[in-house]
PDB file of N, CA and C in Angstrom:
ATOM      1  N   MET A   1     -11.852  10.711  35.221  1.00  0.00           N
ATOM      2  CA  MET A   1     -12.733  10.285  34.143  1.00  0.00           C
ATOM      3  C   MET A   1     -12.594   8.781  33.966  1.00  0.00           C
ATOM      4  N   SER A   2     -13.707   8.158  33.813  1.00  0.00           N
ATOM      5  CA  SER A   2     -13.735   6.720  33.591  1.00  0.00           C
ATOM      6  C   SER A   2     -14.146   6.462  32.148  1.00  0.00           C
ATOM      7  N   SER A   3     -13.465   5.555  31.497  1.00  0.00           N
ATOM      8  CA  SER A   3     -13.850   5.219  30.132  1.00  0.00           C
ATOM      9  C   SER A   3     -13.717   3.722  29.923  1.00  0.00           C
ATOM     10  N   SER A   4     -14.537   3.215  29.055  1.00  0.00           N
ATOM     11  CA  SER A   4     -14.504   1.794  28.736  1.00  0.00           C
ATOM     12  C   SER A   4     -13.721   1.612  27.451  1.00  0.00           C
ATOM     13  N   LYS A   5     -12.639   0.860  27.544  1.00  0.00           N
ATOM     14  CA  LYS A   5     -11.823   0.559  26.374  1.00  0.00           C
ATOM     15  C   LYS A   5     -11.956  -0.911  26.046  1.00  0.00           C
ATOM     16  N   VAL A   6     -11.885  -1.205  24.770  1.00  0.00           N
ATOM     17  CA  VAL A   6     -11.928  -2.590  24.309  1.00  0.00           C
ATOM     18  C   VAL A   6     -10.510  -3.138  24.385  1.00  0.00           C
ATOM     19  N   SER A   7     -10.304  -4.128  25.216  1.00  0.00           N
ATOM     20  CA  SER A   7      -8.948  -4.670  25.344  1.00  0.00           C
ATOM     21  C   SER A   7      -8.651  -5.725  24.286  1.00  0.00           C
ATOM     22  N   LYS A   8      -9.645  -6.542  23.933  1.00  0.00           N
ATOM     23  CA  LYS A   8      -9.390  -7.587  22.944  1.00  0.00           C
ATOM     24  C   LYS A   8     -10.705  -8.012  22.316  1.00  0.00           C
ATOM     25  N   LEU A   9     -10.642  -8.299  21.012  1.00  0.00           N
ATOM     26  CA  LEU A   9     -11.769  -8.875  20.283  1.00  0.00           C
ATOM     27  C   LEU A   9     -11.380 -10.275  19.843  1.00  0.00           C
ATOM     28  N   ALA A  10     -12.351 -11.060  19.449  1.00  0.00           N
ATOM     29  CA  ALA A  10     -12.089 -12.423  18.995  1.00  0.00           C
ATOM     30  C   ALA A  10     -11.149 -12.411  17.794  1.00  0.00           C
ATOM     31  N   SER A  11     -10.392 -13.446  17.655  1.00  0.00           N
ATOM     32  CA  SER A  11      -9.450 -13.569  16.547  1.00  0.00           C
ATOM     33  C   SER A  11     -10.163 -13.372  15.210  1.00  0.00           C
ATOM     34  N   GLY A  12      -9.626 -12.496  14.383  1.00  0.00           N
ATOM     35  CA  GLY A  12     -10.184 -12.234  13.068  1.00  0.00           C
ATOM     36  C   GLY A  12     -11.280 -11.181  13.045  1.00  0.00           C
ATOM     37  N   VAL A  13     -11.699 -10.696  14.215  1.00  0.00           N
ATOM     38  CA  VAL A  13     -12.736  -9.666  14.292  1.00  0.00           C
ATOM     39  C   VAL A  13     -12.060  -8.310  14.381  1.00  0.00           C
ATOM     40  N   LYS A  14     -12.284  -7.464  13.381  1.00  0.00           N
ATOM     41  CA  LYS A  14     -11.662  -6.139  13.328  1.00  0.00           C
ATOM     42  C   LYS A  14     -12.405  -5.133  14.205  1.00  0.00           C
ATOM     43  N   ASN A  15     -13.736  -5.198  14.144  1.00  0.00           N
ATOM     44  CA  ASN A  15     -14.553  -4.315  14.970  1.00  0.00           C
ATOM     45  C   ASN A  15     -15.946  -4.910  15.103  1.00  0.00           C
ATOM     46  N   ILE A  16     -16.709  -4.365  16.048  1.00  0.00           N
ATOM     47  CA  ILE A  16     -18.103  -4.745  16.230  1.00  0.00           C
ATOM     48  C   ILE A  16     -18.930  -3.500  15.969  1.00  0.00           C
ATOM     49  N   VAL A  17     -19.846  -3.589  15.027  1.00  0.00           N
ATOM     50  CA  VAL A  17     -20.704  -2.454  14.679  1.00  0.00           C
ATOM     51  C   VAL A  17     -21.984  -2.569  15.508  1.00  0.00           C
ATOM     52  N   PHE A  18     -22.205  -1.558  16.381  1.00  0.00           N
ATOM     53  CA  PHE A  18     -23.399  -1.543  17.221  1.00  0.00           C
ATOM     54  C   PHE A  18     -24.598  -0.943  16.502  1.00  0.00           C
ATOM     55  N   TYR A  19     -24.335   0.004  15.608  1.00  0.00           N
ATOM     56  CA  TYR A  19     -25.424   0.747  14.976  1.00  0.00           C
ATOM     57  C   TYR A  19     -24.961   1.258  13.622  1.00  0.00           C
ATOM     58  N   GLU A  20     -25.831   1.155  12.622  1.00  0.00           N
ATOM     59  CA  GLU A  20     -25.581   1.733  11.301  1.00  0.00           C
ATOM     60  C   GLU A  20     -26.827   2.497  10.881  1.00  0.00           C
ATOM     61  N   ALA A  21     -26.626   3.623  10.212  1.00  0.00           N
ATOM     62  CA  ALA A  21     -27.757   4.431   9.752  1.00  0.00           C
ATOM     63  C   ALA A  21     -27.393   5.100   8.439  1.00  0.00           C
ATOM     64  N   GLU A  22     -28.396   5.658   7.795  1.00  0.00           N
ATOM     65  CA  GLU A  22     -28.204   6.413   6.554  1.00  0.00           C
ATOM     66  C   GLU A  22     -27.412   5.620   5.517  1.00  0.00           C
ATOM     67  N   GLN A  23     -27.861   4.398   5.250  1.00  0.00           N
ATOM     68  CA  GLN A  23     -27.224   3.522   4.261  1.00  0.00           C
ATOM     69  C   GLN A  23     -25.736   3.325   4.560  1.00  0.00           C
ATOM     70  N   ASN A  24     -25.438   3.051   5.822  1.00  0.00           N
ATOM     71  CA  ASN A  24     -24.085   2.795   6.331  1.00  0.00           C
ATOM     72  C   ASN A  24     -23.194   4.030   6.377  1.00  0.00           C
ATOM     73  N   ALA A  25     -23.735   5.225   6.169  1.00  0.00           N
ATOM     74  CA  ALA A  25     -22.936   6.447   6.202  1.00  0.00           C
ATOM     75  C   ALA A  25     -22.547   6.826   7.626  1.00  0.00           C
ATOM     76  N   LEU A  26     -23.219   6.258   8.617  1.00  0.00           N
ATOM     77  CA  LEU A  26     -22.933   6.510  10.029  1.00  0.00           C
ATOM     78  C   LEU A  26     -22.819   5.171  10.726  1.00  0.00           C
ATOM     79  N   ARG A  27     -21.774   5.019  11.520  1.00  0.00           N
ATOM     80  CA  ARG A  27     -21.563   3.772  12.257  1.00  0.00           C
ATOM     81  C   ARG A  27     -21.106   4.084  13.670  1.00  0.00           C
ATOM     82  N   ILE A  28     -21.576   3.287  14.621  1.00  0.00           N
ATOM     83  CA  ILE A  28     -21.075   3.330  15.988  1.00  0.00           C
ATOM     84  C   ILE A  28     -20.445   1.973  16.242  1.00  0.00           C
ATOM     85  N   VAL A  29     -19.168   1.975  16.609  1.00  0.00           N
ATOM     86  CA  VAL A  29     -18.415   0.718  16.665  1.00  0.00           C
ATOM     87  C   VAL A  29     -17.582   0.580  17.939  1.00  0.00           C
ATOM     88  N   ALA A  30     -17.135  -0.646  18.158  1.00  0.00           N
ATOM     89  CA  ALA A  30     -16.138  -0.967  19.172  1.00  0.00           C
ATOM     90  C   ALA A  30     -14.947  -1.567  18.436  1.00  0.00           C
ATOM     91  N   GLU A  31     -13.753  -1.081  18.763  1.00  0.00           N
ATOM     92  CA  GLU A  31     -12.523  -1.560  18.124  1.00  0.00           C
ATOM     93  C   GLU A  31     -11.480  -1.831  19.193  1.00  0.00           C
ATOM     94  N   GLU A  32     -10.647  -2.797  18.945  1.00  0.00           N
ATOM     95  CA  GLU A  32      -9.596  -3.151  19.883  1.00  0.00           C
ATOM     96  C   GLU A  32      -8.685  -1.953  20.158  1.00  0.00           C
ATOM     97  N   GLY A  33      -8.455  -1.673  21.439  1.00  0.00           N
ATOM     98  CA  GLY A  33      -7.578  -0.575  21.839  1.00  0.00           C
ATOM     99  C   GLY A  33      -8.239   0.793  21.844  1.00  0.00           C
ATOM    100  N   GLU A  34      -9.515   0.867  21.482  1.00  0.00           N
ATOM    101  CA  GLU A  34     -10.241   2.141  21.409  1.00  0.00           C
ATOM    102  C   GLU A  34     -11.361   2.161  22.448  1.00  0.00           C
ATOM    103  N   ARG A  35     -11.908   3.357  22.689  1.00  0.00           N
ATOM    104  CA  ARG A  35     -13.065   3.480  23.564  1.00  0.00           C
ATOM    105  C   ARG A  35     -14.284   2.855  22.897  1.00  0.00           C
ATOM    106  N   VAL A  36     -15.172   2.314  23.695  1.00  0.00           N
ATOM    107  CA  VAL A  36     -16.432   1.780  23.191  1.00  0.00           C
ATOM    108  C   VAL A  36     -17.281   2.937  22.686  1.00  0.00           C
ATOM    109  N   GLY A  37     -17.936   2.783  21.538  1.00  0.00           N
ATOM    110  CA  GLY A  37     -18.892   3.774  21.057  1.00  0.00           C
ATOM    111  C   GLY A  37     -18.351   4.839  20.131  1.00  0.00           C
ATOM    112  N   ASN A  38     -17.217   4.600  19.469  1.00  0.00           N
ATOM    113  CA  ASN A  38     -16.711   5.591  18.513  1.00  0.00           C
ATOM    114  C   ASN A  38     -17.681   5.754  17.349  1.00  0.00           C
ATOM    115  N   ILE A  39     -17.841   6.997  16.909  1.00  0.00           N
ATOM    116  CA  ILE A  39     -18.748   7.325  15.807  1.00  0.00           C
ATOM    117  C   ILE A  39     -17.911   7.562  14.553  1.00  0.00           C
ATOM    118  N   TYR A  40     -18.264   6.878  13.474  1.00  0.00           N
ATOM    119  CA  TYR A  40     -17.599   7.049  12.183  1.00  0.00           C
ATOM    120  C   TYR A  40     -18.628   7.451  11.135  1.00  0.00           C
ATOM    121  N   VAL A  41     -18.237   8.348  10.243  1.00  0.00           N
ATOM    122  CA  VAL A  41     -19.112   8.782   9.147  1.00  0.00           C
ATOM    123  C   VAL A  41     -18.306   8.831   7.860  1.00  0.00           C
ATOM    124  N   TYR A  42     -19.042   8.809   6.737  1.00  0.00           N
ATOM    125  CA  TYR A  42     -18.386   9.095   5.468  1.00  0.00           C
ATOM    126  C   TYR A  42     -18.090  10.594   5.448  1.00  0.00           C
ATOM    127  N   PRO A  43     -16.852  10.999   5.164  1.00  0.00           N
ATOM    128  CA  PRO A  43     -16.534  12.433   5.135  1.00  0.00           C
ATOM    129  C   PRO A  43     -16.940  13.073   3.805  1.00  0.00           C
ATOM    130  N   ARG A  44     -16.904  14.398   3.784  1.00  0.00           N
ATOM    131  CA  ARG A  44     -17.137  15.114   2.523  1.00  0.00           C
ATOM    132  C   ARG A  44     -15.941  14.882   1.605  1.00  0.00           C
ATOM    133  N   LEU A  45     -16.206  14.768   0.325  1.00  0.00           N
ATOM    134  CA  LEU A  45     -15.180  14.534  -0.679  1.00  0.00           C
ATOM    135  C   LEU A  45     -14.341  15.800  -0.872  1.00  0.00           C
ATOM    136  N   LYS A  46     -13.020  15.623  -0.985  1.00  0.00           N
ATOM    137  CA  LYS A  46     -12.110  16.746  -1.244  1.00  0.00           C
ATOM    138  C   LYS A  46     -11.385  16.512  -2.557  1.00  0.00           C
ATOM    139  N   ASP A  47     -11.043  17.606  -3.242  1.00  0.00           N
ATOM    140  CA  ASP A  47     -10.241  17.497  -4.457  1.00  0.00           C
ATOM    141  C   ASP A  47      -8.762  17.432  -4.082  1.00  0.00           C
ATOM    142  N   ASP A  48      -7.883  17.390  -5.077  1.00  0.00           N
ATOM    143  CA  ASP A  48      -6.441  17.273  -4.822  1.00  0.00           C
ATOM    144  C   ASP A  48      -5.872  18.462  -4.054  1.00  0.00           C
ATOM    145  N   ALA A  49      -6.535  19.615  -4.123  1.00  0.00           N
ATOM    146  CA  ALA A  49      -6.072  20.817  -3.421  1.00  0.00           C
ATOM    147  C   ALA A  49      -6.645  20.901  -2.004  1.00  0.00           C
ATOM    148  N   GLY A  50      -7.464  19.913  -1.612  1.00  0.00           N
ATOM    149  CA  GLY A  50      -8.033  19.909  -0.272  1.00  0.00           C
ATOM    150  C   GLY A  50      -9.343  20.669  -0.136  1.00  0.00           C
ATOM    151  N   ASN A  51      -9.914  21.099  -1.254  1.00  0.00           N
ATOM    152  CA  ASN A  51     -11.191  21.805  -1.236  1.00  0.00           C
ATOM    153  C   ASN A  51     -12.343  20.802  -1.273  1.00  0.00           C
ATOM    154  N   TYR A  52     -13.426  21.123  -0.572  1.00  0.00           N
ATOM    155  CA  TYR A  52     -14.607  20.269  -0.630  1.00  0.00           C
ATOM    156  C   TYR A  52     -15.228  20.343  -2.022  1.00  0.00           C
ATOM    157  N   VAL A  53     -15.697  19.202  -2.513  1.00  0.00           N
ATOM    158  CA  VAL A  53     -16.292  19.124  -3.842  1.00  0.00           C
ATOM    159  C   VAL A  53     -17.811  19.280  -3.710  1.00  0.00           C
ATOM    160  N   ILE A  54     -18.371  20.186  -4.518  1.00  0.00           N
ATOM    161  CA  ILE A  54     -19.807  20.442  -4.512  1.00  0.00           C
ATOM    162  C   ILE A  54     -20.388  19.939  -5.826  1.00  0.00           C
ATOM    163  N   GLY A  55     -21.485  19.186  -5.732  1.00  0.00           N
ATOM    164  CA  GLY A  55     -22.134  18.616  -6.906  1.00  0.00           C
ATOM    165  C   GLY A  55     -22.966  19.640  -7.655  1.00  0.00           C
ATOM    166  N   SER A  56     -23.496  19.236  -8.800  1.00  0.00           N
ATOM    167  CA  SER A  56     -24.293  20.130  -9.632  1.00  0.00           C
ATOM    168  C   SER A  56     -25.587  20.570  -8.944  1.00  0.00           C
ATOM    169  N   ASN A  57     -25.993  19.826  -7.901  1.00  0.00           N
ATOM    170  CA  ASN A  57     -27.201  20.182  -7.157  1.00  0.00           C
ATOM    171  C   ASN A  57     -26.915  21.167  -6.015  1.00  0.00           C
ATOM    172  N   GLY A  58     -25.634  21.560  -5.871  1.00  0.00           N
ATOM    173  CA  GLY A  58     -25.260  22.517  -4.834  1.00  0.00           C
ATOM    174  C   GLY A  58     -24.953  21.894  -3.486  1.00  0.00           C
ATOM    175  N   LEU A  59     -24.974  20.565  -3.405  1.00  0.00           N
ATOM    176  CA  LEU A  59     -24.681  19.870  -2.150  1.00  0.00           C
ATOM    177  C   LEU A  59     -23.283  19.270  -2.191  1.00  0.00           C
ATOM    178  N   TYR A  60     -22.682  19.121  -1.002  1.00  0.00           N
ATOM    179  CA  TYR A  60     -21.374  18.487  -0.920  1.00  0.00           C
ATOM    180  C   TYR A  60     -21.454  17.042  -1.400  1.00  0.00           C
ATOM    181  N   LEU A  61     -20.415  16.585  -2.084  1.00  0.00           N
ATOM    182  CA  LEU A  61     -20.302  15.173  -2.445  1.00  0.00           C
ATOM    183  C   LEU A  61     -19.663  14.440  -1.274  1.00  0.00           C
ATOM    184  N   ILE A  62     -20.057  13.207  -1.095  1.00  0.00           N
ATOM    185  CA  ILE A  62     -19.583  12.401   0.023  1.00  0.00           C
ATOM    186  C   ILE A  62     -18.592  11.359  -0.481  1.00  0.00           C
ATOM    187  N   ASP A  63     -17.511  11.170   0.287  1.00  0.00           N
ATOM    188  CA  ASP A  63     -16.504  10.149  -0.029  1.00  0.00           C
ATOM    189  C   ASP A  63     -16.909   8.864   0.682  1.00  0.00           C
ATOM    190  N   ASN A  64     -17.636   7.999  -0.022  1.00  0.00           N
ATOM    191  CA  ASN A  64     -18.111   6.773   0.617  1.00  0.00           C
ATOM    192  C   ASN A  64     -17.122   5.615   0.484  1.00  0.00           C
ATOM    193  N   SER A  65     -15.853   5.942   0.239  1.00  0.00           N
ATOM    194  CA  SER A  65     -14.826   4.907   0.147  1.00  0.00           C
ATOM    195  C   SER A  65     -14.078   4.723   1.470  1.00  0.00           C
ATOM    196  N   ARG A  66     -14.366   5.603   2.457  1.00  0.00           N
ATOM    197  CA  ARG A  66     -13.650   5.506   3.738  1.00  0.00           C
ATOM    198  C   ARG A  66     -14.506   6.133   4.838  1.00  0.00           C
ATOM    199  N   TYR A  67     -14.115   5.846   6.078  1.00  0.00           N
ATOM    200  CA  TYR A  67     -14.791   6.419   7.236  1.00  0.00           C
ATOM    201  C   TYR A  67     -13.844   7.359   7.973  1.00  0.00           C
ATOM    202  N   GLU A  68     -14.431   8.321   8.677  1.00  0.00           N
ATOM    203  CA  GLU A  68     -13.665   9.265   9.484  1.00  0.00           C
ATOM    204  C   GLU A  68     -14.281   9.279  10.884  1.00  0.00           C
ATOM    205  N   LYS A  69     -13.425   9.163  11.906  1.00  0.00           N
ATOM    206  CA  LYS A  69     -13.927   9.196  13.284  1.00  0.00           C
ATOM    207  C   LYS A  69     -14.274  10.635  13.644  1.00  0.00           C
ATOM    208  N   VAL A  70     -15.514  10.831  14.163  1.00  0.00           N
ATOM    209  CA  VAL A  70     -15.974  12.186  14.468  1.00  0.00           C
ATOM    210  C   VAL A  70     -16.366  12.374  15.928  1.00  0.00           C
ATOM    211  N   GLY A  71     -16.342  11.319  16.707  1.00  0.00           N
ATOM    212  CA  GLY A  71     -16.703  11.475  18.112  1.00  0.00           C
ATOM    213  C   GLY A  71     -16.982  10.146  18.766  1.00  0.00           C
ATOM    214  N   ASN A  72     -17.649  10.225  19.916  1.00  0.00           N
ATOM    215  CA  ASN A  72     -17.961   9.042  20.697  1.00  0.00           C
ATOM    216  C   ASN A  72     -19.298   9.268  21.399  1.00  0.00           C
ATOM    217  N   VAL A  73     -20.124   8.233  21.455  1.00  0.00           N
ATOM    218  CA  VAL A  73     -21.451   8.363  22.058  1.00  0.00           C
ATOM    219  C   VAL A  73     -21.435   8.314  23.575  1.00  0.00           C
ATOM    220  N   MET A  74     -20.360   7.861  24.154  1.00  0.00           N
ATOM    221  CA  MET A  74     -20.303   7.708  25.606  1.00  0.00           C
ATOM    222  C   MET A  74     -20.056   9.066  26.273  1.00  0.00           C
ATOM    223  N   PRO A  75     -20.737   9.341  27.395  1.00  0.00           N
ATOM    224  CA  PRO A  75     -20.511  10.604  28.098  1.00  0.00           C
ATOM    225  C   PRO A  75     -19.113  10.657  28.686  1.00  0.00           C
ATOM    226  N   ARG A  76     -18.550  11.859  28.757  1.00  0.00           N
ATOM    227  CA  ARG A  76     -17.217  12.019  29.345  1.00  0.00           C
ATOM    228  C   ARG A  76     -17.256  11.926  30.872  1.00  0.00           C
ATOM    229  N   VAL A  77     -18.346  12.352  31.450  1.00  0.00           N
ATOM    230  CA  VAL A  77     -18.502  12.280  32.900  1.00  0.00           C
ATOM    231  C   VAL A  77     -19.909  11.812  33.238  1.00  0.00           C
ATOM    232  N   THR A  78     -20.043  11.231  34.390  1.00  0.00           N
ATOM    233  CA  THR A  78     -21.369  10.890  34.899  1.00  0.00           C
ATOM    234  C   THR A  78     -21.455  11.445  36.306  1.00  0.00           C
ATOM    235  N   GLY A  79     -22.632  11.711  36.723  1.00  0.00           N
ATOM    236  CA  GLY A  79     -22.792  12.295  38.055  1.00  0.00           C
ATOM    237  C   GLY A  79     -24.018  11.746  38.733  1.00  0.00           C
ATOM    238  N   GLY A  80     -24.200  12.203  39.913  1.00  0.00           N
ATOM    239  CA  GLY A  80     -25.359  11.761  40.683  1.00  0.00           C
ATOM    240  C   GLY A  80     -25.408  12.499  42.007  1.00  0.00           C
ATOM    241  N   LEU A  81     -26.322  12.127  42.828  1.00  0.00           N
ATOM    242  CA  LEU A  81     -26.461  12.747  44.130  1.00  0.00           C
ATOM    243  C   LEU A  81     -25.436  12.150  45.082  1.00  0.00           C
ATOM    244  N   VAL A  82     -24.912  13.003  45.923  1.00  0.00           N
ATOM    245  CA  VAL A  82     -23.925  12.534  46.910  1.00  0.00           C
ATOM    246  C   VAL A  82     -24.577  12.437  48.250  1.00  0.00           C
TER     247      VAL A  82
END
């Protein structure tokens, strides 16, 4: 498997955001020491017991104070004709 990792970013640069959507609730970024294209989202809010919090409208509340890595946009393998 081949993967592209970010070896170094410019001094003072924490990450490079390639894409943002849904009012910044979804981000695709490059970070030093990580694979290119990590996907981060705002996670669902949890209470102190670890249960998801549901709002009065019946929908999950979102914790927009932090991001959670949920995957990567880059394919794990590539192929072609031999």
